[in-house]
Amino acid sequence: MGFYCLFHLWYDFGVLGSLKKLTMNDFKLFTVKAGDNSTKDGFPTLIGNSLSFAVAFNENCLYDVPEPYSYAYSKVYGFKEGIWYDRNKNDFVDRYSARLGFRPVKKRGIFQLAPYVHYYNEDTKAIINLGSKDPEVVYEAKPKETIYCNIDIIGDKYVFYIMSKRVECQRGKGHWLRYTSRMFIGGKFTLNHDASLYLKRLKSNL
């Protein structure tokens, strides 16, 4: 993983020790409005091969997921690679991306977290969406609990560290143009109320 990666995990996450403690005043609130799927924030570019951030969920993110979408994950934060236009769909498509996914379990009062990845298979010409195939739950979080996540690009892999738990996912070809992605809920459904989370981007310059 390299010395620098270990260092910023230690400095930002407190995995090996703690130099600083985040409070809610350190975070920015992001909200998906009722009837929408995503926040309205911009898409800053990602410089380098790594993205580190901290997130805490508001209680209003504990929503009931309608059937038949109860298996699917929504997206907290992450990044995309490249801008791809699909003539058949007459729309831009997400070929390569890596994000932290979440799935609320309202009756238990927790959020299940897992890597959410898209990658384009050059042989089959299909976009593989790991967020729709019930990936393994890596961590279960409570409302307002601070969760730390780091996503590294290492060759043909996306390497996630979710609360220090390491998970590798297929990346595919990738692209030099990288930009962060918004909080996104549903896709096939929307909520009848606002849902929000607290997010802070951390230092990451690998």
N, C-alpha and C. Protein backbone atom coordinates (compact mmCIF):
# COMPACT_ATOMS: atom_id res chain seq x y z
N MET A 1 0.84 -1.21 0.00
CA MET A 1 0.00 0.00 0.00
C MET A 1 0.87 1.25 0.00
N GLY A 2 2.09 1.16 0.54
CA GLY A 2 2.99 2.29 0.49
C GLY A 2 2.96 3.13 1.76
N PHE A 3 4.13 3.76 2.03
CA PHE A 3 4.27 4.53 3.26
C PHE A 3 3.30 5.70 3.31
N TYR A 4 3.17 6.44 2.18
CA TYR A 4 2.32 7.63 2.22
C TYR A 4 0.87 7.27 2.50
N CYS A 5 0.39 6.18 1.89
CA CYS A 5 -0.99 5.75 2.14
C CYS A 5 -1.18 5.40 3.61
N LEU A 6 -0.22 4.69 4.19
CA LEU A 6 -0.31 4.37 5.61
C LEU A 6 -0.32 5.64 6.45
N PHE A 7 0.48 6.63 6.02
CA PHE A 7 0.55 7.86 6.79
C PHE A 7 -0.76 8.62 6.76
N HIS A 8 -1.38 8.75 5.56
CA HIS A 8 -2.60 9.55 5.55
C HIS A 8 -3.78 8.78 6.14
N LEU A 9 -3.73 7.44 6.13
CA LEU A 9 -4.73 6.70 6.89
C LEU A 9 -4.59 6.98 8.38
N TRP A 10 -3.34 7.04 8.84
CA TRP A 10 -3.10 7.35 10.25
C TRP A 10 -3.52 8.77 10.59
N TYR A 11 -3.14 9.72 9.71
CA TYR A 11 -3.41 11.12 9.99
C TYR A 11 -4.88 11.47 9.88
N ASP A 12 -5.53 11.03 8.80
CA ASP A 12 -6.92 11.40 8.56
C ASP A 12 -7.91 10.51 9.29
N PHE A 13 -7.63 9.23 9.37
CA PHE A 13 -8.61 8.28 9.85
C PHE A 13 -8.41 7.87 11.31
N GLY A 14 -7.19 8.04 11.81
CA GLY A 14 -6.95 7.56 13.17
C GLY A 14 -6.90 6.05 13.24
N VAL A 15 -6.54 5.38 12.11
CA VAL A 15 -6.47 3.92 12.13
C VAL A 15 -5.31 3.44 13.01
N LEU A 16 -4.17 4.13 12.91
CA LEU A 16 -3.01 3.76 13.71
C LEU A 16 -2.82 4.68 14.90
N GLY A 17 -3.55 5.74 14.96
CA GLY A 17 -3.43 6.72 16.04
C GLY A 17 -4.33 7.88 15.72
N SER A 18 -4.42 8.87 16.57
CA SER A 18 -5.35 9.98 16.36
C SER A 18 -4.66 11.30 16.63
N LEU A 19 -4.52 12.12 15.58
CA LEU A 19 -3.98 13.46 15.73
C LEU A 19 -5.09 14.49 15.81
N LYS A 20 -6.29 14.14 15.32
CA LYS A 20 -7.38 15.11 15.30
C LYS A 20 -8.70 14.37 15.40
N LYS A 21 -9.69 15.05 15.89
CA LYS A 21 -11.02 14.49 16.01
C LYS A 21 -11.99 15.40 15.27
N LEU A 22 -12.81 14.80 14.42
CA LEU A 22 -13.79 15.59 13.68
C LEU A 22 -15.02 15.81 14.53
N THR A 23 -15.61 17.00 14.41
CA THR A 23 -16.90 17.29 15.02
C THR A 23 -17.87 17.61 13.90
N MET A 24 -19.16 17.70 14.21
CA MET A 24 -20.15 17.96 13.18
C MET A 24 -19.93 19.31 12.52
N ASN A 25 -19.26 20.23 13.19
CA ASN A 25 -18.95 21.54 12.61
C ASN A 25 -17.95 21.43 11.47
N ASP A 26 -17.22 20.32 11.39
CA ASP A 26 -16.25 20.12 10.31
C ASP A 26 -16.90 19.67 9.01
N PHE A 27 -18.14 19.22 9.08
CA PHE A 27 -18.80 18.62 7.92
C PHE A 27 -19.67 19.63 7.17
N LYS A 28 -19.93 19.30 5.90
CA LYS A 28 -20.89 20.04 5.10
C LYS A 28 -22.13 19.16 4.91
N LEU A 29 -23.30 19.76 5.02
CA LEU A 29 -24.55 19.02 4.86
C LEU A 29 -24.94 18.95 3.39
N PHE A 30 -25.21 17.72 2.90
CA PHE A 30 -25.68 17.50 1.53
C PHE A 30 -27.08 16.88 1.61
N THR A 31 -27.98 17.40 0.78
CA THR A 31 -29.38 16.98 0.86
C THR A 31 -29.94 16.61 -0.51
N VAL A 32 -30.59 15.45 -0.58
CA VAL A 32 -31.39 15.08 -1.74
C VAL A 32 -32.83 15.46 -1.41
N LYS A 33 -33.36 16.39 -2.19
CA LYS A 33 -34.71 16.89 -1.92
C LYS A 33 -35.77 15.86 -2.30
N ALA A 34 -36.92 15.95 -1.64
CA ALA A 34 -38.04 15.08 -1.96
C ALA A 34 -38.35 15.13 -3.45
N GLY A 35 -38.50 13.97 -4.07
CA GLY A 35 -38.80 13.89 -5.50
C GLY A 35 -37.59 13.91 -6.41
N ASP A 36 -36.39 14.15 -5.85
CA ASP A 36 -35.15 14.15 -6.63
C ASP A 36 -34.34 12.89 -6.35
N ASN A 37 -33.31 12.68 -7.17
CA ASN A 37 -32.42 11.54 -6.96
C ASN A 37 -31.04 11.94 -6.46
N SER A 38 -30.64 13.20 -6.67
CA SER A 38 -29.29 13.58 -6.30
C SER A 38 -29.23 15.00 -5.76
N THR A 39 -28.12 15.31 -5.12
CA THR A 39 -27.88 16.68 -4.68
C THR A 39 -27.57 17.54 -5.89
N LYS A 40 -27.53 18.84 -5.69
CA LYS A 40 -27.31 19.77 -6.80
C LYS A 40 -25.92 20.38 -6.79
N ASP A 41 -24.99 19.72 -6.11
CA ASP A 41 -23.64 20.24 -6.01
C ASP A 41 -22.85 19.95 -7.27
N GLY A 42 -21.72 20.67 -7.44
CA GLY A 42 -20.93 20.55 -8.65
C GLY A 42 -20.07 19.30 -8.68
N PHE A 43 -19.21 19.23 -9.70
CA PHE A 43 -18.37 18.07 -9.93
C PHE A 43 -16.90 18.49 -9.97
N PRO A 44 -16.29 18.76 -8.82
CA PRO A 44 -14.86 19.12 -8.84
C PRO A 44 -14.02 17.96 -9.33
N THR A 45 -12.97 18.29 -10.07
CA THR A 45 -12.10 17.25 -10.59
C THR A 45 -11.29 16.62 -9.46
N LEU A 46 -10.87 15.40 -9.69
CA LEU A 46 -10.06 14.67 -8.73
C LEU A 46 -8.64 14.64 -9.24
N ILE A 47 -7.73 15.22 -8.48
CA ILE A 47 -6.31 15.21 -8.83
C ILE A 47 -5.64 14.06 -8.09
N GLY A 48 -4.97 13.20 -8.84
CA GLY A 48 -4.30 12.07 -8.21
C GLY A 48 -5.11 10.80 -8.30
N ASN A 49 -4.68 9.79 -7.57
CA ASN A 49 -5.25 8.45 -7.66
C ASN A 49 -5.97 8.02 -6.39
N SER A 50 -6.38 8.97 -5.55
CA SER A 50 -6.96 8.59 -4.28
C SER A 50 -7.97 9.64 -3.82
N LEU A 51 -9.01 9.16 -3.15
CA LEU A 51 -10.02 10.05 -2.58
C LEU A 51 -10.31 9.59 -1.16
N SER A 52 -10.21 10.52 -0.22
CA SER A 52 -10.48 10.22 1.19
C SER A 52 -11.57 11.14 1.71
N PHE A 53 -12.47 10.60 2.50
CA PHE A 53 -13.55 11.42 3.03
C PHE A 53 -14.14 10.78 4.28
N ALA A 54 -14.87 11.60 5.02
CA ALA A 54 -15.61 11.14 6.19
C ALA A 54 -17.08 11.47 5.97
N VAL A 55 -17.97 10.62 6.47
CA VAL A 55 -19.40 10.82 6.26
C VAL A 55 -20.16 10.42 7.52
N ALA A 56 -21.26 11.11 7.77
CA ALA A 56 -22.17 10.75 8.85
C ALA A 56 -23.60 10.92 8.32
N PHE A 57 -24.44 9.92 8.53
CA PHE A 57 -25.80 9.93 7.99
C PHE A 57 -26.77 10.61 8.96
N ASN A 58 -27.67 11.41 8.39
CA ASN A 58 -28.77 11.97 9.16
C ASN A 58 -29.85 10.91 9.34
N GLU A 59 -30.70 11.10 10.35
CA GLU A 59 -31.77 10.13 10.60
C GLU A 59 -32.75 10.03 9.44
N ASN A 60 -32.89 11.13 8.66
CA ASN A 60 -33.85 11.10 7.56
C ASN A 60 -33.38 10.25 6.37
N CYS A 61 -32.17 9.70 6.45
CA CYS A 61 -31.71 8.74 5.44
C CYS A 61 -32.19 7.32 5.75
N LEU A 62 -32.79 7.13 6.90
CA LEU A 62 -33.36 5.81 7.24
C LEU A 62 -34.76 5.69 6.65
N TYR A 63 -34.80 5.49 5.34
CA TYR A 63 -36.07 5.39 4.64
C TYR A 63 -36.36 3.93 4.28
N ASP A 64 -37.61 3.65 4.01
CA ASP A 64 -38.01 2.33 3.52
C ASP A 64 -37.75 2.25 2.02
N VAL A 65 -36.97 1.26 1.60
CA VAL A 65 -36.68 1.08 0.17
C VAL A 65 -37.81 0.28 -0.46
N PRO A 66 -38.47 0.83 -1.48
CA PRO A 66 -39.60 0.11 -2.07
C PRO A 66 -39.16 -1.14 -2.83
N GLU A 67 -40.02 -2.13 -2.85
CA GLU A 67 -39.77 -3.31 -3.68
C GLU A 67 -40.00 -2.93 -5.14
N PRO A 68 -39.26 -3.51 -6.08
CA PRO A 68 -38.31 -4.62 -5.89
C PRO A 68 -36.86 -4.14 -5.76
N TYR A 69 -36.62 -2.98 -5.16
CA TYR A 69 -35.29 -2.39 -5.13
C TYR A 69 -34.60 -2.51 -3.77
N SER A 70 -35.12 -3.35 -2.89
CA SER A 70 -34.59 -3.41 -1.53
C SER A 70 -33.14 -3.88 -1.48
N TYR A 71 -32.68 -4.58 -2.52
CA TYR A 71 -31.30 -5.08 -2.56
C TYR A 71 -30.31 -3.98 -2.95
N ALA A 72 -30.78 -2.94 -3.65
CA ALA A 72 -29.90 -1.98 -4.31
C ALA A 72 -29.29 -0.98 -3.33
N TYR A 73 -28.11 -0.50 -3.69
CA TYR A 73 -27.41 0.50 -2.90
C TYR A 73 -27.56 1.87 -3.55
N SER A 74 -27.70 2.89 -2.72
CA SER A 74 -27.57 4.27 -3.18
C SER A 74 -26.13 4.71 -2.96
N LYS A 75 -25.81 5.94 -3.37
CA LYS A 75 -24.40 6.35 -3.40
C LYS A 75 -24.14 7.51 -2.45
N VAL A 76 -23.07 7.37 -1.68
CA VAL A 76 -22.66 8.42 -0.75
C VAL A 76 -21.78 9.43 -1.45
N TYR A 77 -20.62 8.97 -1.92
CA TYR A 77 -19.62 9.87 -2.50
C TYR A 77 -18.55 9.00 -3.14
N GLY A 78 -17.87 9.54 -4.12
CA GLY A 78 -16.81 8.83 -4.80
C GLY A 78 -16.38 9.59 -6.02
N PHE A 79 -15.99 8.87 -7.08
CA PHE A 79 -15.54 9.56 -8.29
C PHE A 79 -15.86 8.72 -9.53
N LYS A 80 -15.87 9.43 -10.67
CA LYS A 80 -16.05 8.80 -11.97
C LYS A 80 -14.80 9.05 -12.80
N GLU A 81 -14.62 8.22 -13.82
CA GLU A 81 -13.50 8.39 -14.73
C GLU A 81 -14.03 8.51 -16.16
N GLY A 82 -13.71 9.63 -16.81
CA GLY A 82 -14.09 9.84 -18.20
C GLY A 82 -15.54 10.25 -18.38
N ILE A 83 -15.84 10.74 -19.58
CA ILE A 83 -17.20 11.11 -19.97
C ILE A 83 -17.52 10.32 -21.24
N TRP A 84 -18.50 9.45 -21.16
CA TRP A 84 -18.79 8.53 -22.26
C TRP A 84 -20.22 8.73 -22.73
N TYR A 85 -20.37 8.83 -24.07
CA TYR A 85 -21.69 9.02 -24.66
C TYR A 85 -22.13 7.74 -25.37
N ASP A 86 -23.33 7.27 -25.02
CA ASP A 86 -23.90 6.06 -25.61
C ASP A 86 -24.95 6.49 -26.65
N ARG A 87 -24.65 6.25 -27.93
CA ARG A 87 -25.57 6.66 -29.00
C ARG A 87 -26.88 5.88 -28.95
N ASN A 88 -26.81 4.63 -28.53
CA ASN A 88 -28.03 3.82 -28.45
C ASN A 88 -29.00 4.38 -27.40
N LYS A 89 -28.44 4.85 -26.27
CA LYS A 89 -29.27 5.41 -25.21
C LYS A 89 -29.48 6.91 -25.36
N ASN A 90 -28.71 7.52 -26.27
CA ASN A 90 -28.76 8.97 -26.47
C ASN A 90 -28.54 9.70 -25.14
N ASP A 91 -27.53 9.23 -24.42
CA ASP A 91 -27.26 9.80 -23.10
C ASP A 91 -25.83 9.46 -22.69
N PHE A 92 -25.33 10.21 -21.71
CA PHE A 92 -24.03 9.92 -21.15
C PHE A 92 -24.15 8.74 -20.18
N VAL A 93 -23.18 7.85 -20.20
CA VAL A 93 -23.23 6.66 -19.35
C VAL A 93 -22.01 6.64 -18.43
N ASP A 94 -22.16 5.93 -17.36
CA ASP A 94 -21.13 5.82 -16.33
C ASP A 94 -20.37 4.52 -16.54
N ARG A 95 -19.23 4.59 -17.25
CA ARG A 95 -18.47 3.37 -17.55
C ARG A 95 -17.57 2.95 -16.39
N TYR A 96 -16.86 3.91 -15.83
CA TYR A 96 -15.89 3.60 -14.79
C TYR A 96 -16.12 4.52 -13.60
N SER A 97 -16.41 3.95 -12.45
CA SER A 97 -16.61 4.77 -11.26
C SER A 97 -16.42 3.92 -10.01
N ALA A 98 -16.10 4.61 -8.92
CA ALA A 98 -15.94 3.96 -7.62
C ALA A 98 -16.53 4.87 -6.56
N ARG A 99 -17.50 4.34 -5.82
CA ARG A 99 -18.17 5.15 -4.80
C ARG A 99 -18.49 4.29 -3.58
N LEU A 100 -18.68 4.95 -2.47
CA LEU A 100 -19.18 4.26 -1.29
C LEU A 100 -20.69 4.16 -1.42
N GLY A 101 -21.21 2.92 -1.34
CA GLY A 101 -22.65 2.71 -1.43
C GLY A 101 -23.26 2.50 -0.06
N PHE A 102 -24.53 2.89 0.07
CA PHE A 102 -25.23 2.65 1.34
C PHE A 102 -26.63 2.11 1.08
N ARG A 103 -27.10 1.30 2.03
CA ARG A 103 -28.44 0.74 1.97
C ARG A 103 -29.05 0.85 3.37
N PRO A 104 -30.11 1.65 3.54
CA PRO A 104 -30.70 1.79 4.87
C PRO A 104 -31.53 0.57 5.25
N VAL A 105 -31.43 0.18 6.50
CA VAL A 105 -32.28 -0.87 7.06
C VAL A 105 -33.05 -0.21 8.20
N LYS A 106 -34.22 0.33 7.86
CA LYS A 106 -34.95 1.19 8.80
C LYS A 106 -35.35 0.46 10.07
N LYS A 107 -35.79 -0.78 9.95
CA LYS A 107 -36.27 -1.51 11.13
C LYS A 107 -35.16 -1.80 12.13
N ARG A 108 -33.91 -1.80 11.66
CA ARG A 108 -32.77 -1.99 12.55
C ARG A 108 -32.09 -0.68 12.93
N GLY A 109 -32.45 0.39 12.23
CA GLY A 109 -31.86 1.69 12.52
C GLY A 109 -30.40 1.81 12.13
N ILE A 110 -30.02 1.13 11.03
CA ILE A 110 -28.61 1.15 10.62
C ILE A 110 -28.50 1.35 9.10
N PHE A 111 -27.28 1.64 8.66
CA PHE A 111 -26.96 1.77 7.24
C PHE A 111 -25.91 0.72 6.89
N GLN A 112 -26.16 -0.08 5.87
CA GLN A 112 -25.19 -1.06 5.40
C GLN A 112 -24.33 -0.40 4.33
N LEU A 113 -23.01 -0.52 4.47
CA LEU A 113 -22.07 0.14 3.57
C LEU A 113 -21.29 -0.90 2.77
N ALA A 114 -21.05 -0.59 1.50
CA ALA A 114 -20.31 -1.49 0.61
C ALA A 114 -19.74 -0.69 -0.55
N PRO A 115 -18.69 -1.19 -1.21
CA PRO A 115 -18.19 -0.53 -2.43
C PRO A 115 -19.26 -0.54 -3.52
N TYR A 116 -19.35 0.55 -4.25
CA TYR A 116 -20.30 0.67 -5.37
C TYR A 116 -19.46 1.01 -6.61
N VAL A 117 -19.37 0.06 -7.54
CA VAL A 117 -18.44 0.18 -8.65
C VAL A 117 -19.14 -0.07 -9.99
N HIS A 118 -18.79 0.75 -10.98
CA HIS A 118 -19.12 0.47 -12.37
C HIS A 118 -17.81 0.22 -13.12
N TYR A 119 -17.77 -0.80 -13.97
CA TYR A 119 -16.64 -0.91 -14.88
C TYR A 119 -17.11 -1.51 -16.20
N TYR A 120 -16.49 -1.07 -17.27
CA TYR A 120 -16.87 -1.46 -18.62
C TYR A 120 -16.05 -2.66 -19.07
N ASN A 121 -16.71 -3.74 -19.39
CA ASN A 121 -16.04 -4.94 -19.86
C ASN A 121 -15.75 -4.79 -21.36
N GLU A 122 -14.47 -4.69 -21.70
CA GLU A 122 -14.09 -4.45 -23.09
C GLU A 122 -14.46 -5.61 -24.01
N ASP A 123 -14.57 -6.83 -23.46
CA ASP A 123 -14.89 -8.00 -24.29
C ASP A 123 -16.38 -8.10 -24.57
N THR A 124 -17.19 -7.95 -23.53
CA THR A 124 -18.64 -8.11 -23.71
C THR A 124 -19.36 -6.79 -24.01
N LYS A 125 -18.63 -5.68 -23.88
CA LYS A 125 -19.19 -4.34 -24.09
C LYS A 125 -20.34 -4.05 -23.13
N ALA A 126 -20.28 -4.65 -21.95
CA ALA A 126 -21.32 -4.45 -20.94
C ALA A 126 -20.75 -3.65 -19.76
N ILE A 127 -21.60 -2.81 -19.19
CA ILE A 127 -21.23 -2.06 -18.01
C ILE A 127 -21.64 -2.88 -16.78
N ILE A 128 -20.67 -3.29 -16.01
CA ILE A 128 -20.92 -4.10 -14.82
C ILE A 128 -21.18 -3.16 -13.64
N ASN A 129 -22.33 -3.30 -13.03
CA ASN A 129 -22.72 -2.45 -11.92
C ASN A 129 -22.74 -3.28 -10.64
N LEU A 130 -21.67 -3.18 -9.84
CA LEU A 130 -21.59 -3.99 -8.63
C LEU A 130 -22.59 -3.53 -7.57
N GLY A 131 -23.06 -2.30 -7.69
CA GLY A 131 -24.02 -1.80 -6.72
C GLY A 131 -25.41 -2.41 -6.89
N SER A 132 -25.64 -3.10 -8.01
CA SER A 132 -26.94 -3.72 -8.24
C SER A 132 -26.90 -5.23 -8.04
N LYS A 133 -25.76 -5.76 -7.62
CA LYS A 133 -25.60 -7.21 -7.50
C LYS A 133 -25.38 -7.63 -6.05
N ASP A 134 -25.91 -6.85 -5.14
CA ASP A 134 -25.87 -7.18 -3.71
C ASP A 134 -24.45 -7.49 -3.24
N PRO A 135 -23.53 -6.51 -3.31
CA PRO A 135 -22.17 -6.74 -2.83
C PRO A 135 -22.15 -7.00 -1.33
N GLU A 136 -21.08 -7.60 -0.88
CA GLU A 136 -20.97 -7.95 0.53
C GLU A 136 -20.94 -6.70 1.40
N VAL A 137 -21.71 -6.70 2.47
CA VAL A 137 -21.72 -5.57 3.41
C VAL A 137 -20.37 -5.52 4.13
N VAL A 138 -19.75 -4.35 4.11
CA VAL A 138 -18.44 -4.19 4.73
C VAL A 138 -18.56 -3.61 6.14
N TYR A 139 -19.56 -2.73 6.34
CA TYR A 139 -19.70 -2.08 7.65
C TYR A 139 -21.15 -1.68 7.84
N GLU A 140 -21.61 -1.70 9.09
CA GLU A 140 -22.94 -1.23 9.43
C GLU A 140 -22.82 -0.02 10.35
N ALA A 141 -23.42 1.09 9.94
CA ALA A 141 -23.27 2.35 10.66
C ALA A 141 -24.59 2.81 11.26
N LYS A 142 -24.48 3.56 12.34
CA LYS A 142 -25.64 4.17 12.97
C LYS A 142 -25.75 5.63 12.54
N PRO A 143 -26.94 6.24 12.66
CA PRO A 143 -27.06 7.67 12.36
C PRO A 143 -26.07 8.50 13.17
N LYS A 144 -25.47 9.49 12.52
CA LYS A 144 -24.52 10.44 13.09
C LYS A 144 -23.16 9.81 13.44
N GLU A 145 -22.98 8.51 13.19
CA GLU A 145 -21.66 7.90 13.41
C GLU A 145 -20.73 8.34 12.29
N THR A 146 -19.51 8.73 12.64
CA THR A 146 -18.54 9.16 11.65
C THR A 146 -17.87 7.95 11.00
N ILE A 147 -18.01 7.87 9.67
CA ILE A 147 -17.44 6.78 8.89
C ILE A 147 -16.32 7.33 8.03
N TYR A 148 -15.18 6.65 8.02
CA TYR A 148 -14.04 7.06 7.21
C TYR A 148 -13.87 6.11 6.03
N CYS A 149 -13.63 6.71 4.86
CA CYS A 149 -13.47 5.90 3.65
C CYS A 149 -12.33 6.46 2.80
N ASN A 150 -11.56 5.57 2.22
CA ASN A 150 -10.52 5.93 1.28
C ASN A 150 -10.65 5.02 0.06
N ILE A 151 -10.56 5.60 -1.14
CA ILE A 151 -10.63 4.84 -2.39
C ILE A 151 -9.37 5.13 -3.19
N ASP A 152 -8.58 4.09 -3.47
CA ASP A 152 -7.35 4.23 -4.24
C ASP A 152 -7.51 3.57 -5.61
N ILE A 153 -6.86 4.15 -6.60
CA ILE A 153 -6.71 3.52 -7.91
C ILE A 153 -5.34 2.87 -7.94
N ILE A 154 -5.31 1.55 -8.04
CA ILE A 154 -4.05 0.81 -8.10
C ILE A 154 -4.14 -0.14 -9.29
N GLY A 155 -3.57 0.26 -10.42
CA GLY A 155 -3.62 -0.56 -11.63
C GLY A 155 -5.03 -0.76 -12.11
N ASP A 156 -5.44 -2.03 -12.25
CA ASP A 156 -6.79 -2.33 -12.73
C ASP A 156 -7.75 -2.59 -11.57
N LYS A 157 -7.42 -2.06 -10.38
CA LYS A 157 -8.26 -2.26 -9.21
C LYS A 157 -8.66 -0.93 -8.57
N TYR A 158 -9.86 -0.89 -8.01
CA TYR A 158 -10.24 0.12 -7.04
C TYR A 158 -10.06 -0.52 -5.67
N VAL A 159 -9.28 0.10 -4.81
CA VAL A 159 -9.04 -0.44 -3.47
C VAL A 159 -9.72 0.47 -2.46
N PHE A 160 -10.70 -0.09 -1.76
CA PHE A 160 -11.47 0.65 -0.76
C PHE A 160 -10.93 0.33 0.63
N TYR A 161 -10.88 1.36 1.47
CA TYR A 161 -10.69 1.19 2.91
C TYR A 161 -11.91 1.82 3.57
N ILE A 162 -12.78 1.01 4.11
CA ILE A 162 -13.98 1.48 4.78
C ILE A 162 -13.83 1.16 6.26
N MET A 163 -13.62 2.18 7.06
CA MET A 163 -13.32 1.98 8.49
C MET A 163 -12.20 0.96 8.65
N SER A 164 -11.14 1.13 7.86
CA SER A 164 -9.91 0.33 7.87
C SER A 164 -10.06 -1.06 7.26
N LYS A 165 -11.28 -1.43 6.83
CA LYS A 165 -11.48 -2.73 6.19
C LYS A 165 -11.18 -2.60 4.69
N ARG A 166 -10.31 -3.44 4.18
CA ARG A 166 -9.82 -3.33 2.81
C ARG A 166 -10.61 -4.23 1.87
N VAL A 167 -11.06 -3.65 0.74
CA VAL A 167 -11.80 -4.41 -0.27
C VAL A 167 -11.28 -4.00 -1.64
N GLU A 168 -10.98 -4.98 -2.50
CA GLU A 168 -10.56 -4.71 -3.87
C GLU A 168 -11.71 -4.98 -4.83
N CYS A 169 -11.87 -4.08 -5.82
CA CYS A 169 -12.89 -4.25 -6.86
C CYS A 169 -12.26 -4.03 -8.23
N GLN A 170 -12.84 -4.65 -9.24
CA GLN A 170 -12.36 -4.51 -10.61
C GLN A 170 -12.53 -3.07 -11.08
N ARG A 171 -11.52 -2.56 -11.77
CA ARG A 171 -11.58 -1.20 -12.30
C ARG A 171 -11.80 -1.17 -13.81
N GLY A 172 -11.15 -1.99 -14.56
CA GLY A 172 -11.24 -1.91 -16.01
C GLY A 172 -10.25 -0.91 -16.56
N LYS A 173 -10.53 -0.37 -17.72
CA LYS A 173 -9.60 0.49 -18.44
C LYS A 173 -9.38 1.83 -17.73
N GLY A 174 -10.44 2.41 -17.22
CA GLY A 174 -10.32 3.70 -16.55
C GLY A 174 -10.09 4.85 -17.51
N HIS A 175 -9.74 6.03 -16.98
CA HIS A 175 -9.58 7.22 -17.79
C HIS A 175 -8.79 8.26 -17.00
N TRP A 176 -8.08 9.13 -17.72
CA TRP A 176 -7.26 10.15 -17.04
C TRP A 176 -8.12 11.26 -16.43
N LEU A 177 -9.33 11.51 -16.98
CA LEU A 177 -10.21 12.55 -16.46
C LEU A 177 -11.04 11.98 -15.31
N ARG A 178 -10.87 12.52 -14.13
CA ARG A 178 -11.58 12.03 -12.94
C ARG A 178 -12.26 13.18 -12.23
N TYR A 179 -13.48 12.94 -11.78
CA TYR A 179 -14.22 13.98 -11.07
C TYR A 179 -15.13 13.32 -10.05
N THR A 180 -15.36 14.02 -8.95
CA THR A 180 -16.15 13.44 -7.87
C THR A 180 -17.63 13.42 -8.23
N SER A 181 -18.35 12.50 -7.62
CA SER A 181 -19.77 12.31 -7.93
C SER A 181 -20.64 12.69 -6.74
N ARG A 182 -21.88 12.99 -7.02
CA ARG A 182 -22.82 13.47 -6.01
C ARG A 182 -23.43 12.33 -5.20
N MET A 183 -23.97 12.71 -4.04
CA MET A 183 -24.86 11.81 -3.31
C MET A 183 -26.05 11.50 -4.21
N PHE A 184 -26.43 10.23 -4.28
CA PHE A 184 -27.50 9.80 -5.19
C PHE A 184 -28.35 8.74 -4.49
N ILE A 185 -29.66 8.90 -4.57
CA ILE A 185 -30.60 7.96 -3.95
C ILE A 185 -31.55 7.42 -5.00
N GLY A 186 -31.72 6.11 -4.98
CA GLY A 186 -32.72 5.49 -5.85
C GLY A 186 -32.27 5.38 -7.29
N GLY A 187 -32.95 6.08 -8.16
CA GLY A 187 -32.76 5.95 -9.60
C GLY A 187 -34.07 5.52 -10.21
N LYS A 188 -34.57 4.37 -9.75
CA LYS A 188 -35.88 3.88 -10.16
C LYS A 188 -36.99 4.40 -9.25
N PHE A 189 -36.61 5.04 -8.16
CA PHE A 189 -37.60 5.58 -7.23
C PHE A 189 -37.07 6.87 -6.61
N THR A 190 -37.96 7.67 -6.06
CA THR A 190 -37.58 8.86 -5.30
C THR A 190 -38.30 8.81 -3.95
N LEU A 191 -37.87 9.68 -3.04
CA LEU A 191 -38.48 9.74 -1.71
C LEU A 191 -39.47 10.89 -1.64
N ASN A 192 -40.41 10.78 -0.70
CA ASN A 192 -41.38 11.85 -0.50
C ASN A 192 -40.95 12.81 0.61
N HIS A 193 -39.67 12.71 0.99
CA HIS A 193 -39.13 13.62 2.00
C HIS A 193 -37.65 13.84 1.71
N ASP A 194 -37.06 14.89 2.28
CA ASP A 194 -35.64 15.15 2.10
C ASP A 194 -34.81 14.08 2.82
N ALA A 195 -33.63 13.79 2.27
CA ALA A 195 -32.68 12.88 2.91
C ALA A 195 -31.30 13.53 2.83
N SER A 196 -30.58 13.52 3.94
CA SER A 196 -29.32 14.26 3.98
C SER A 196 -28.23 13.50 4.72
N LEU A 197 -27.01 13.88 4.42
CA LEU A 197 -25.85 13.34 5.12
C LEU A 197 -24.81 14.44 5.28
N TYR A 198 -23.88 14.19 6.19
CA TYR A 198 -22.79 15.13 6.46
C TYR A 198 -21.51 14.56 5.87
N LEU A 199 -20.79 15.41 5.11
CA LEU A 199 -19.61 14.92 4.39
C LEU A 199 -18.44 15.88 4.56
N LYS A 200 -17.26 15.32 4.69
CA LYS A 200 -16.05 16.11 4.70
C LYS A 200 -15.00 15.39 3.87
N ARG A 201 -14.45 16.09 2.89
CA ARG A 201 -13.36 15.53 2.10
C ARG A 201 -12.06 15.71 2.88
N LEU A 202 -11.25 14.67 2.91
CA LEU A 202 -10.00 14.68 3.66
C LEU A 202 -8.81 14.73 2.73
N LYS A 203 -7.65 14.88 3.30
CA LYS A 203 -6.42 14.98 2.51
C LYS A 203 -6.13 13.65 1.84
N SER A 204 -5.81 13.75 0.54
CA SER A 204 -5.49 12.53 -0.20
C SER A 204 -4.79 12.94 -1.48
N ASN A 205 -3.51 12.69 -1.59
CA ASN A 205 -2.75 13.16 -2.74
C ASN A 205 -1.81 12.08 -3.29
N LEU A 206 -2.26 10.83 -3.25
CA LEU A 206 -1.41 9.76 -3.79
C LEU A 206 -1.27 9.90 -5.29
